[in-house]
mmCIF file of all heavy atoms, coordinates in Angstrom:
data_MODEL
# 
_entry.id   MODEL 
# 
loop_
_atom_site.group_PDB 
_atom_site.id 
_atom_site.type_symbol 
_atom_site.label_atom_id 
_atom_site.label_alt_id 
_atom_site.label_comp_id 
_atom_site.label_asym_id 
_atom_site.label_entity_id 
_atom_site.label_seq_id 
_atom_site.pdbx_PDB_ins_code 
_atom_site.Cartn_x 
_atom_site.Cartn_y 
_atom_site.Cartn_z 
_atom_site.occupancy 
_atom_site.B_iso_or_equiv 
_atom_site.pdbx_formal_charge 
_atom_site.auth_seq_id 
_atom_site.auth_comp_id 
_atom_site.auth_asym_id 
_atom_site.auth_atom_id 
_atom_site.pdbx_PDB_model_num 
ATOM 1   N N   . ALA A 1 1  ? 3.753   -177.228 -37.429 1.00 0.00 ? 1  ALA A N   1 
ATOM 2   C CA  . ALA A 1 1  ? 4.645   -176.702 -36.389 1.00 0.00 ? 1  ALA A CA  1 
ATOM 3   C C   . ALA A 1 1  ? 4.987   -175.233 -36.641 1.00 0.00 ? 1  ALA A C   1 
ATOM 4   O O   . ALA A 1 1  ? 5.009   -174.419 -35.714 1.00 0.00 ? 1  ALA A O   1 
ATOM 5   C CB  . ALA A 1 1  ? 5.921   -177.540 -36.331 1.00 0.00 ? 1  ALA A CB  1 
ATOM 6   N N   . LEU A 1 2  ? 5.259   -174.889 -37.907 1.00 0.00 ? 2  LEU A N   1 
ATOM 7   C CA  . LEU A 1 2  ? 5.535   -173.481 -38.232 1.00 0.00 ? 2  LEU A CA  1 
ATOM 8   C C   . LEU A 1 2  ? 4.305   -172.614 -37.962 1.00 0.00 ? 2  LEU A C   1 
ATOM 9   O O   . LEU A 1 2  ? 4.427   -171.479 -37.486 1.00 0.00 ? 2  LEU A O   1 
ATOM 10  C CB  . LEU A 1 2  ? 5.944   -173.361 -39.703 1.00 0.00 ? 2  LEU A CB  1 
ATOM 11  C CG  . LEU A 1 2  ? 7.327   -173.923 -40.055 1.00 0.00 ? 2  LEU A CG  1 
ATOM 12  C CD1 . LEU A 1 2  ? 7.558   -173.846 -41.559 1.00 0.00 ? 2  LEU A CD1 1 
ATOM 13  C CD2 . LEU A 1 2  ? 8.422   -173.168 -39.309 1.00 0.00 ? 2  LEU A CD2 1 
ATOM 14  N N   . SER A 1 3  ? 3.139   -173.159 -38.258 1.00 0.00 ? 3  SER A N   1 
ATOM 15  C CA  . SER A 1 3  ? 1.912   -172.441 -37.948 1.00 0.00 ? 3  SER A CA  1 
ATOM 16  C C   . SER A 1 3  ? 1.794   -172.207 -36.439 1.00 0.00 ? 3  SER A C   1 
ATOM 17  O O   . SER A 1 3  ? 1.402   -171.118 -35.990 1.00 0.00 ? 3  SER A O   1 
ATOM 18  C CB  . SER A 1 3  ? 0.701   -173.230 -38.451 1.00 0.00 ? 3  SER A CB  1 
ATOM 19  O OG  . SER A 1 3  ? -0.506  -172.626 -38.043 1.00 0.00 ? 3  SER A OG  1 
ATOM 20  N N   . GLY A 1 4  ? 2.143   -173.214 -35.645 1.00 0.00 ? 4  GLY A N   1 
ATOM 21  C CA  . GLY A 1 4  ? 2.108   -173.068 -34.191 1.00 0.00 ? 4  GLY A CA  1 
ATOM 22  C C   . GLY A 1 4  ? 3.046   -171.987 -33.689 1.00 0.00 ? 4  GLY A C   1 
ATOM 23  O O   . GLY A 1 4  ? 2.704   -171.225 -32.778 1.00 0.00 ? 4  GLY A O   1 
ATOM 24  N N   . LEU A 1 5  ? 4.239   -171.899 -34.282 1.00 0.00 ? 5  LEU A N   1 
ATOM 25  C CA  . LEU A 1 5  ? 5.166   -170.836 -33.891 1.00 0.00 ? 5  LEU A CA  1 
ATOM 26  C C   . LEU A 1 5  ? 4.582   -169.461 -34.199 1.00 0.00 ? 5  LEU A C   1 
ATOM 27  O O   . LEU A 1 5  ? 4.752   -168.507 -33.431 1.00 0.00 ? 5  LEU A O   1 
ATOM 28  C CB  . LEU A 1 5  ? 6.501   -171.023 -34.618 1.00 0.00 ? 5  LEU A CB  1 
ATOM 29  C CG  . LEU A 1 5  ? 7.331   -172.246 -34.206 1.00 0.00 ? 5  LEU A CG  1 
ATOM 30  C CD1 . LEU A 1 5  ? 8.579   -172.351 -35.074 1.00 0.00 ? 5  LEU A CD1 1 
ATOM 31  C CD2 . LEU A 1 5  ? 7.714   -172.166 -32.733 1.00 0.00 ? 5  LEU A CD2 1 
ATOM 32  N N   . GLY A 1 6  ? 3.891   -169.367 -35.348 1.00 0.00 ? 6  GLY A N   1 
ATOM 33  C CA  . GLY A 1 6  ? 3.253   -168.102 -35.689 1.00 0.00 ? 6  GLY A CA  1 
ATOM 34  C C   . GLY A 1 6  ? 2.168   -167.721 -34.695 1.00 0.00 ? 6  GLY A C   1 
ATOM 35  O O   . GLY A 1 6  ? 2.081   -166.563 -34.253 1.00 0.00 ? 6  GLY A O   1 
ATOM 36  N N   . PHE A 1 7  ? 1.342   -168.695 -34.335 1.00 0.00 ? 7  PHE A N   1 
ATOM 37  C CA  . PHE A 1 7  ? 0.293   -168.420 -33.357 1.00 0.00 ? 7  PHE A CA  1 
ATOM 38  C C   . PHE A 1 7  ? 0.888   -168.131 -31.970 1.00 0.00 ? 7  PHE A C   1 
ATOM 39  O O   . PHE A 1 7  ? 0.309   -167.370 -31.185 1.00 0.00 ? 7  PHE A O   1 
ATOM 40  C CB  . PHE A 1 7  ? -0.677  -169.594 -33.276 1.00 0.00 ? 7  PHE A CB  1 
ATOM 41  C CG  . PHE A 1 7  ? -1.652  -169.638 -34.425 1.00 0.00 ? 7  PHE A CG  1 
ATOM 42  C CD1 . PHE A 1 7  ? -1.756  -170.774 -35.219 1.00 0.00 ? 7  PHE A CD1 1 
ATOM 43  C CD2 . PHE A 1 7  ? -2.471  -168.563 -34.708 1.00 0.00 ? 7  PHE A CD2 1 
ATOM 44  C CE1 . PHE A 1 7  ? -2.649  -170.816 -36.279 1.00 0.00 ? 7  PHE A CE1 1 
ATOM 45  C CE2 . PHE A 1 7  ? -3.376  -168.596 -35.757 1.00 0.00 ? 7  PHE A CE2 1 
ATOM 46  C CZ  . PHE A 1 7  ? -3.470  -169.727 -36.555 1.00 0.00 ? 7  PHE A CZ  1 
ATOM 47  N N   . ALA A 1 8  ? 2.038   -168.731 -31.651 1.00 0.00 ? 8  ALA A N   1 
ATOM 48  C CA  . ALA A 1 8  ? 2.699   -168.450 -30.380 1.00 0.00 ? 8  ALA A CA  1 
ATOM 49  C C   . ALA A 1 8  ? 3.167   -166.999 -30.326 1.00 0.00 ? 8  ALA A C   1 
ATOM 50  O O   . ALA A 1 8  ? 3.011   -166.314 -29.305 1.00 0.00 ? 8  ALA A O   1 
ATOM 51  C CB  . ALA A 1 8  ? 3.879   -169.395 -30.180 1.00 0.00 ? 8  ALA A CB  1 
ATOM 52  N N   . CYS A 1 9  ? 3.741   -166.527 -31.430 1.00 0.00 ? 9  CYS A N   1 
ATOM 53  C CA  . CYS A 1 9  ? 4.157   -165.120 -31.487 1.00 0.00 ? 9  CYS A CA  1 
ATOM 54  C C   . CYS A 1 9  ? 2.946   -164.199 -31.368 1.00 0.00 ? 9  CYS A C   1 
ATOM 55  O O   . CYS A 1 9  ? 3.023   -163.148 -30.702 1.00 0.00 ? 9  CYS A O   1 
ATOM 56  C CB  . CYS A 1 9  ? 4.893   -164.853 -32.799 1.00 0.00 ? 9  CYS A CB  1 
ATOM 57  S SG  . CYS A 1 9  ? 6.497   -165.674 -32.939 1.00 0.00 ? 9  CYS A SG  1 
ATOM 58  N N   . ALA A 1 10 ? 1.851   -164.568 -32.000 1.00 0.00 ? 10 ALA A N   1 
ATOM 59  C CA  . ALA A 1 10 ? 0.623   -163.772 -31.879 1.00 0.00 ? 10 ALA A CA  1 
ATOM 60  C C   . ALA A 1 10 ? 0.138   -163.745 -30.431 1.00 0.00 ? 10 ALA A C   1 
ATOM 61  O O   . ALA A 1 10 ? -0.339  -162.711 -29.939 1.00 0.00 ? 10 ALA A O   1 
ATOM 62  C CB  . ALA A 1 10 ? -0.459  -164.335 -32.804 1.00 0.00 ? 10 ALA A CB  1 
ATOM 63  N N   . ALA A 1 11 ? 0.257   -164.882 -29.732 1.00 0.00 ? 11 ALA A N   1 
ATOM 64  C CA  . ALA A 1 11 ? -0.164  -164.937 -28.331 1.00 0.00 ? 11 ALA A CA  1 
ATOM 65  C C   . ALA A 1 11 ? 0.719   -164.066 -27.447 1.00 0.00 ? 11 ALA A C   1 
ATOM 66  O O   . ALA A 1 11 ? 0.228   -163.384 -26.531 1.00 0.00 ? 11 ALA A O   1 
ATOM 67  C CB  . ALA A 1 11 ? -0.120  -166.386 -27.837 1.00 0.00 ? 11 ALA A CB  1 
ATOM 68  N N   . VAL A 1 12 ? 2.028   -164.062 -27.718 1.00 0.00 ? 12 VAL A N   1 
ATOM 69  C CA  . VAL A 1 12 ? 2.947   -163.226 -26.940 1.00 0.00 ? 12 VAL A CA  1 
ATOM 70  C C   . VAL A 1 12 ? 2.606   -161.755 -27.128 1.00 0.00 ? 12 VAL A C   1 
ATOM 71  O O   . VAL A 1 12 ? 2.625   -160.967 -26.174 1.00 0.00 ? 12 VAL A O   1 
ATOM 72  C CB  . VAL A 1 12 ? 4.398   -163.508 -27.360 1.00 0.00 ? 12 VAL A CB  1 
ATOM 73  C CG1 . VAL A 1 12 ? 5.352   -162.484 -26.753 1.00 0.00 ? 12 VAL A CG1 1 
ATOM 74  C CG2 . VAL A 1 12 ? 4.805   -164.921 -26.934 1.00 0.00 ? 12 VAL A CG2 1 
ATOM 75  N N   . ALA A 1 13 ? 2.285   -161.365 -28.364 1.00 0.00 ? 13 ALA A N   1 
ATOM 76  C CA  . ALA A 1 13 ? 1.911   -159.967 -28.610 1.00 0.00 ? 13 ALA A CA  1 
ATOM 77  C C   . ALA A 1 13 ? 0.545   -159.639 -28.017 1.00 0.00 ? 13 ALA A C   1 
ATOM 78  O O   . ALA A 1 13 ? 0.302   -158.507 -27.582 1.00 0.00 ? 13 ALA A O   1 
ATOM 79  C CB  . ALA A 1 13 ? 1.915   -159.695 -30.113 1.00 0.00 ? 13 ALA A CB  1 
ATOM 80  N N   . ALA A 1 14 ? -0.358  -160.623 -27.990 1.00 0.00 ? 14 ALA A N   1 
ATOM 81  C CA  . ALA A 1 14 ? -1.724  -160.371 -27.516 1.00 0.00 ? 14 ALA A CA  1 
ATOM 82  C C   . ALA A 1 14 ? -1.801  -160.227 -26.001 1.00 0.00 ? 14 ALA A C   1 
ATOM 83  O O   . ALA A 1 14 ? -2.704  -159.546 -25.500 1.00 0.00 ? 14 ALA A O   1 
ATOM 84  C CB  . ALA A 1 14 ? -2.640  -161.508 -27.973 1.00 0.00 ? 14 ALA A CB  1 
ATOM 85  N N   . ARG A 1 15 ? -0.909  -160.861 -25.269 1.00 0.00 ? 15 ARG A N   1 
ATOM 86  C CA  . ARG A 1 15 ? -0.967  -160.806 -23.791 1.00 0.00 ? 15 ARG A CA  1 
ATOM 87  C C   . ARG A 1 15 ? -0.830  -159.372 -23.267 1.00 0.00 ? 15 ARG A C   1 
ATOM 88  O O   . ARG A 1 15 ? -1.704  -158.895 -22.546 1.00 0.00 ? 15 ARG A O   1 
ATOM 89  C CB  . ARG A 1 15 ? 0.120   -161.720 -23.216 1.00 0.00 ? 15 ARG A CB  1 
ATOM 90  C CG  . ARG A 1 15 ? 0.286   -161.639 -21.707 1.00 0.00 ? 15 ARG A CG  1 
ATOM 91  C CD  . ARG A 1 15 ? -0.600  -162.626 -21.000 1.00 0.00 ? 15 ARG A CD  1 
ATOM 92  N NE  . ARG A 1 15 ? -0.151  -162.903 -19.651 1.00 0.00 ? 15 ARG A NE  1 
ATOM 93  C CZ  . ARG A 1 15 ? -0.689  -162.396 -18.539 1.00 0.00 ? 15 ARG A CZ  1 
ATOM 94  N NH1 . ARG A 1 15 ? -1.713  -161.556 -18.625 1.00 0.00 ? 15 ARG A NH1 1 
ATOM 95  N NH2 . ARG A 1 15 ? -0.224  -162.734 -17.353 1.00 0.00 ? 15 ARG A NH2 1 
ATOM 96  N N   . PRO A 1 16 ? 0.222   -158.614 -23.627 1.00 0.00 ? 16 PRO A N   1 
ATOM 97  C CA  . PRO A 1 16 ? 0.264   -157.208 -23.173 1.00 0.00 ? 16 PRO A CA  1 
ATOM 98  C C   . PRO A 1 16 ? -0.752  -156.333 -23.890 1.00 0.00 ? 16 PRO A C   1 
ATOM 99  O O   . PRO A 1 16 ? -1.216  -155.337 -23.325 1.00 0.00 ? 16 PRO A O   1 
ATOM 100 C CB  . PRO A 1 16 ? 1.704   -156.779 -23.488 1.00 0.00 ? 16 PRO A CB  1 
ATOM 101 C CG  . PRO A 1 16 ? 2.173   -157.720 -24.538 1.00 0.00 ? 16 PRO A CG  1 
ATOM 102 C CD  . PRO A 1 16 ? 1.477   -159.014 -24.296 1.00 0.00 ? 16 PRO A CD  1 
ATOM 103 N N   . LEU A 1 17 ? -1.104  -156.681 -25.142 1.00 0.00 ? 17 LEU A N   1 
ATOM 104 C CA  . LEU A 1 17 ? -2.106  -155.895 -25.870 1.00 0.00 ? 17 LEU A CA  1 
ATOM 105 C C   . LEU A 1 17 ? -3.447  -155.929 -25.154 1.00 0.00 ? 17 LEU A C   1 
ATOM 106 O O   . LEU A 1 17 ? -4.168  -154.924 -25.127 1.00 0.00 ? 17 LEU A O   1 
ATOM 107 C CB  . LEU A 1 17 ? -2.249  -156.440 -27.293 1.00 0.00 ? 17 LEU A CB  1 
ATOM 108 C CG  . LEU A 1 17 ? -3.315  -155.788 -28.170 1.00 0.00 ? 17 LEU A CG  1 
ATOM 109 C CD1 . LEU A 1 17 ? -2.958  -154.327 -28.456 1.00 0.00 ? 17 LEU A CD1 1 
ATOM 110 C CD2 . LEU A 1 17 ? -3.474  -156.561 -29.481 1.00 0.00 ? 17 LEU A CD2 1 
ATOM 111 N N   . ALA A 1 18 ? -3.788  -157.081 -24.573 1.00 0.00 ? 18 ALA A N   1 
ATOM 112 C CA  . ALA A 1 18 ? -5.071  -157.210 -23.882 1.00 0.00 ? 18 ALA A CA  1 
ATOM 113 C C   . ALA A 1 18 ? -5.161  -156.328 -22.644 1.00 0.00 ? 18 ALA A C   1 
ATOM 114 O O   . ALA A 1 18 ? -6.260  -156.087 -22.132 1.00 0.00 ? 18 ALA A O   1 
ATOM 115 C CB  . ALA A 1 18 ? -5.302  -158.671 -23.489 1.00 0.00 ? 18 ALA A CB  1 
ATOM 116 N N   . SER A 1 19 ? -4.022  -155.830 -22.170 1.00 0.00 ? 19 SER A N   1 
ATOM 117 C CA  . SER A 1 19 ? -4.020  -154.971 -20.981 1.00 0.00 ? 19 SER A CA  1 
ATOM 118 C C   . SER A 1 19 ? -4.153  -153.489 -21.325 1.00 0.00 ? 19 SER A C   1 
ATOM 119 O O   . SER A 1 19 ? -3.943  -152.631 -20.454 1.00 0.00 ? 19 SER A O   1 
ATOM 120 C CB  . SER A 1 19 ? -2.729  -155.197 -20.181 1.00 0.00 ? 19 SER A CB  1 
ATOM 121 O OG  . SER A 1 19 ? -2.634  -156.546 -19.747 1.00 0.00 ? 19 SER A OG  1 
ATOM 122 N N   . SER A 1 20 ? -4.475  -153.183 -22.571 1.00 0.00 ? 20 SER A N   1 
ATOM 123 C CA  . SER A 1 20 ? -4.651  -151.788 -22.975 1.00 0.00 ? 20 SER A CA  1 
ATOM 124 C C   . SER A 1 20 ? -5.779  -151.145 -22.164 1.00 0.00 ? 20 SER A C   1 
ATOM 125 O O   . SER A 1 20 ? -6.798  -151.786 -21.872 1.00 0.00 ? 20 SER A O   1 
ATOM 126 C CB  . SER A 1 20 ? -4.971  -151.701 -24.475 1.00 0.00 ? 20 SER A CB  1 
ATOM 127 O OG  . SER A 1 20 ? -3.930  -152.264 -25.247 1.00 0.00 ? 20 SER A OG  1 
ATOM 128 N N   . HIS A 1 21 ? -5.606  -149.867 -21.845 1.00 0.00 ? 21 HIS A N   1 
ATOM 129 C CA  . HIS A 1 21 ? -6.558  -149.165 -20.980 1.00 0.00 ? 21 HIS A CA  1 
ATOM 130 C C   . HIS A 1 21 ? -7.633  -148.407 -21.751 1.00 0.00 ? 21 HIS A C   1 
ATOM 131 O O   . HIS A 1 21 ? -8.583  -147.896 -21.147 1.00 0.00 ? 21 HIS A O   1 
ATOM 132 C CB  . HIS A 1 21 ? -5.808  -148.201 -20.059 1.00 0.00 ? 21 HIS A CB  1 
ATOM 133 C CG  . HIS A 1 21 ? -4.816  -148.878 -19.159 1.00 0.00 ? 21 HIS A CG  1 
ATOM 134 N ND1 . HIS A 1 21 ? -5.197  -149.707 -18.117 1.00 0.00 ? 21 HIS A ND1 1 
ATOM 135 C CD2 . HIS A 1 21 ? -3.459  -148.872 -19.166 1.00 0.00 ? 21 HIS A CD2 1 
ATOM 136 C CE1 . HIS A 1 21 ? -4.110  -150.168 -17.502 1.00 0.00 ? 21 HIS A CE1 1 
ATOM 137 N NE2 . HIS A 1 21 ? -3.049  -149.678 -18.117 1.00 0.00 ? 21 HIS A NE2 1 
ATOM 138 N N   . SER A 1 22 ? -7.484  -148.302 -23.075 1.00 0.00 ? 22 SER A N   1 
ATOM 139 C CA  . SER A 1 22 ? -8.475  -147.589 -23.879 1.00 0.00 ? 22 SER A CA  1 
ATOM 140 C C   . SER A 1 22 ? -8.494  -148.151 -25.287 1.00 0.00 ? 22 SER A C   1 
ATOM 141 O O   . SER A 1 22 ? -7.555  -148.838 -25.717 1.00 0.00 ? 22 SER A O   1 
ATOM 142 C CB  . SER A 1 22 ? -8.166  -146.085 -23.921 1.00 0.00 ? 22 SER A CB  1 
ATOM 143 O OG  . SER A 1 22 ? -6.935  -145.858 -24.588 1.00 0.00 ? 22 SER A OG  1 
ATOM 144 N N   . ILE A 1 23 ? -9.562  -147.847 -26.017 1.00 0.00 ? 23 ILE A N   1 
ATOM 145 C CA  . ILE A 1 23 ? -9.677  -148.287 -27.406 1.00 0.00 ? 23 ILE A CA  1 
ATOM 146 C C   . ILE A 1 23 ? -8.571  -147.668 -28.255 1.00 0.00 ? 23 ILE A C   1 
ATOM 147 O O   . ILE A 1 23 ? -7.984  -148.324 -29.120 1.00 0.00 ? 23 ILE A O   1 
ATOM 148 C CB  . ILE A 1 23 ? -11.060 -147.926 -27.975 1.00 0.00 ? 23 ILE A CB  1 
ATOM 149 C CG1 . ILE A 1 23 ? -12.164 -148.677 -27.210 1.00 0.00 ? 23 ILE A CG1 1 
ATOM 150 C CG2 . ILE A 1 23 ? -11.125 -148.270 -29.468 1.00 0.00 ? 23 ILE A CG2 1 
ATOM 151 C CD1 . ILE A 1 23 ? -12.090 -150.172 -27.348 1.00 0.00 ? 23 ILE A CD1 1 
ATOM 152 N N   . PHE A 1 24 ? -8.277  -146.388 -28.017 1.00 0.00 ? 24 PHE A N   1 
ATOM 153 C CA  . PHE A 1 24 ? -7.227  -145.717 -28.788 1.00 0.00 ? 24 PHE A CA  1 
ATOM 154 C C   . PHE A 1 24 ? -5.875  -146.390 -28.563 1.00 0.00 ? 24 PHE A C   1 
ATOM 155 O O   . PHE A 1 24 ? -5.112  -146.605 -29.514 1.00 0.00 ? 24 PHE A O   1 
ATOM 156 C CB  . PHE A 1 24 ? -7.147  -144.241 -28.393 1.00 0.00 ? 24 PHE A CB  1 
ATOM 157 C CG  . PHE A 1 24 ? -6.033  -143.505 -29.085 1.00 0.00 ? 24 PHE A CG  1 
ATOM 158 C CD1 . PHE A 1 24 ? -6.166  -143.098 -30.411 1.00 0.00 ? 24 PHE A CD1 1 
ATOM 159 C CD2 . PHE A 1 24 ? -4.840  -143.222 -28.415 1.00 0.00 ? 24 PHE A CD2 1 
ATOM 160 C CE1 . PHE A 1 24 ? -5.129  -142.426 -31.053 1.00 0.00 ? 24 PHE A CE1 1 
ATOM 161 C CE2 . PHE A 1 24 ? -3.810  -142.547 -29.053 1.00 0.00 ? 24 PHE A CE2 1 
ATOM 162 C CZ  . PHE A 1 24 ? -3.965  -142.153 -30.371 1.00 0.00 ? 24 PHE A CZ  1 
ATOM 163 N N   . GLU A 1 25 ? -5.565  -146.699 -27.323 1.00 0.00 ? 25 GLU A N   1 
ATOM 164 C CA  . GLU A 1 25 ? -4.299  -147.387 -27.033 1.00 0.00 ? 25 GLU A CA  1 
ATOM 165 C C   . GLU A 1 25 ? -4.258  -148.755 -27.689 1.00 0.00 ? 25 GLU A C   1 
ATOM 166 O O   . GLU A 1 25 ? -3.206  -149.185 -28.185 1.00 0.00 ? 25 GLU A O   1 
ATOM 167 C CB  . GLU A 1 25 ? -4.131  -147.524 -25.517 1.00 0.00 ? 25 GLU A CB  1 
ATOM 168 C CG  . GLU A 1 25 ? -2.832  -148.196 -25.101 1.00 0.00 ? 25 GLU A CG  1 
ATOM 169 C CD  . GLU A 1 25 ? -2.707  -148.354 -23.604 1.00 0.00 ? 25 GLU A CD  1 
ATOM 170 O OE1 . GLU A 1 25 ? -3.574  -147.815 -22.875 1.00 0.00 ? 25 GLU A OE1 1 
ATOM 171 O OE2 . GLU A 1 25 ? -1.768  -149.036 -23.147 1.00 0.00 ? 25 GLU A OE2 1 
ATOM 172 N N   . PHE A 1 26 ? -5.407  -149.439 -27.723 1.00 0.00 ? 26 PHE A N   1 
ATOM 173 C CA  . PHE A 1 26 ? -5.481  -150.770 -28.340 1.00 0.00 ? 26 PHE A CA  1 
ATOM 174 C C   . PHE A 1 26 ? -5.241  -150.679 -29.849 1.00 0.00 ? 26 PHE A C   1 
ATOM 175 O O   . PHE A 1 26 ? -4.462  -151.449 -30.413 1.00 0.00 ? 26 PHE A O   1 
ATOM 176 C CB  . PHE A 1 26 ? -6.848  -151.382 -28.044 1.00 0.00 ? 26 PHE A CB  1 
ATOM 177 C CG  . PHE A 1 26 ? -7.048  -152.764 -28.593 1.00 0.00 ? 26 PHE A CG  1 
ATOM 178 C CD1 . PHE A 1 26 ? -6.634  -153.874 -27.874 1.00 0.00 ? 26 PHE A CD1 1 
ATOM 179 C CD2 . PHE A 1 26 ? -7.656  -152.956 -29.825 1.00 0.00 ? 26 PHE A CD2 1 
ATOM 180 C CE1 . PHE A 1 26 ? -6.813  -155.158 -28.375 1.00 0.00 ? 26 PHE A CE1 1 
ATOM 181 C CE2 . PHE A 1 26 ? -7.841  -154.233 -30.337 1.00 0.00 ? 26 PHE A CE2 1 
ATOM 182 C CZ  . PHE A 1 26 ? -7.420  -155.326 -29.603 1.00 0.00 ? 26 PHE A CZ  1 
ATOM 183 N N   . VAL A 1 27 ? -5.931  -149.734 -30.521 1.00 0.00 ? 27 VAL A N   1 
ATOM 184 C CA  . VAL A 1 27 ? -5.849  -149.634 -31.986 1.00 0.00 ? 27 VAL A CA  1 
ATOM 185 C C   . VAL A 1 27 ? -4.497  -149.094 -32.435 1.00 0.00 ? 27 VAL A C   1 
ATOM 186 O O   . VAL A 1 27 ? -3.973  -149.492 -33.481 1.00 0.00 ? 27 VAL A O   1 
ATOM 187 C CB  . VAL A 1 27 ? -7.003  -148.750 -32.513 1.00 0.00 ? 27 VAL A CB  1 
ATOM 188 C CG1 . VAL A 1 27 ? -6.867  -148.517 -34.011 1.00 0.00 ? 27 VAL A CG1 1 
ATOM 189 C CG2 . VAL A 1 27 ? -8.345  -149.387 -32.201 1.00 0.00 ? 27 VAL A CG2 1 
ATOM 190 N N   . SER A 1 28 ? -3.914  -148.181 -31.674 1.00 0.00 ? 28 SER A N   1 
ATOM 191 C CA  . SER A 1 28 ? -2.651  -147.551 -32.077 1.00 0.00 ? 28 SER A CA  1 
ATOM 192 C C   . SER A 1 28 ? -1.421  -148.376 -31.717 1.00 0.00 ? 28 SER A C   1 
ATOM 193 O O   . SER A 1 28 ? -0.310  -148.060 -32.156 1.00 0.00 ? 28 SER A O   1 
ATOM 194 C CB  . SER A 1 28 ? -2.535  -146.167 -31.432 1.00 0.00 ? 28 SER A CB  1 
ATOM 195 O OG  . SER A 1 28 ? -2.532  -146.274 -30.011 1.00 0.00 ? 28 SER A OG  1 
ATOM 196 N N   . SER A 1 29 ? -1.598  -149.434 -30.962 1.00 0.00 ? 29 SER A N   1 
ATOM 197 C CA  . SER A 1 29 ? -0.449  -150.243 -30.547 1.00 0.00 ? 29 SER A CA  1 
ATOM 198 C C   . SER A 1 29 ? 0.080   -151.073 -31.718 1.00 0.00 ? 29 SER A C   1 
ATOM 199 O O   . SER A 1 29 ? -0.695  -151.724 -32.432 1.00 0.00 ? 29 SER A O   1 
ATOM 200 C CB  . SER A 1 29 ? -0.848  -151.170 -29.395 1.00 0.00 ? 29 SER A CB  1 
ATOM 201 O OG  . SER A 1 29 ? 0.218   -152.045 -29.078 1.00 0.00 ? 29 SER A OG  1 
ATOM 202 N N   . PRO A 1 30 ? 1.397   -151.074 -31.945 1.00 0.00 ? 30 PRO A N   1 
ATOM 203 C CA  . PRO A 1 30 ? 1.961   -151.943 -33.006 1.00 0.00 ? 30 PRO A CA  1 
ATOM 204 C C   . PRO A 1 30 ? 1.760   -153.428 -32.708 1.00 0.00 ? 30 PRO A C   1 
ATOM 205 O O   . PRO A 1 30 ? 1.824   -154.246 -33.622 1.00 0.00 ? 30 PRO A O   1 
ATOM 206 C CB  . PRO A 1 30 ? 3.447   -151.562 -33.009 1.00 0.00 ? 30 PRO A CB  1 
ATOM 207 C CG  . PRO A 1 30 ? 3.702   -150.948 -31.679 1.00 0.00 ? 30 PRO A CG  1 
ATOM 208 C CD  . PRO A 1 30 ? 2.441   -150.275 -31.278 1.00 0.00 ? 30 PRO A CD  1 
ATOM 209 N N   . LEU A 1 31 ? 1.510   -153.765 -31.456 1.00 0.00 ? 31 LEU A N   1 
ATOM 210 C CA  . LEU A 1 31 ? 1.277   -155.164 -31.117 1.00 0.00 ? 31 LEU A CA  1 
ATOM 211 C C   . LEU A 1 31 ? 0.027   -155.709 -31.812 1.00 0.00 ? 31 LEU A C   1 
ATOM 212 O O   . LEU A 1 31 ? -0.023  -156.884 -32.170 1.00 0.00 ? 31 LEU A O   1 
ATOM 213 C CB  . LEU A 1 31 ? 1.135   -155.314 -29.594 1.00 0.00 ? 31 LEU A CB  1 
ATOM 214 C CG  . LEU A 1 31 ? 2.391   -155.051 -28.767 1.00 0.00 ? 31 LEU A CG  1 
ATOM 215 C CD1 . LEU A 1 31 ? 2.062   -155.121 -27.279 1.00 0.00 ? 31 LEU A CD1 1 
ATOM 216 C CD2 . LEU A 1 31 ? 3.485   -156.053 -29.121 1.00 0.00 ? 31 LEU A CD2 1 
# 
């Protein structure tokens, strides 16, 4: 269950990260 919470947080960060418009924006994002 704790592992699932960790993966859930990763998914929340990945959703807006996937909308990055460039490689530089993707790599430089703290997400």
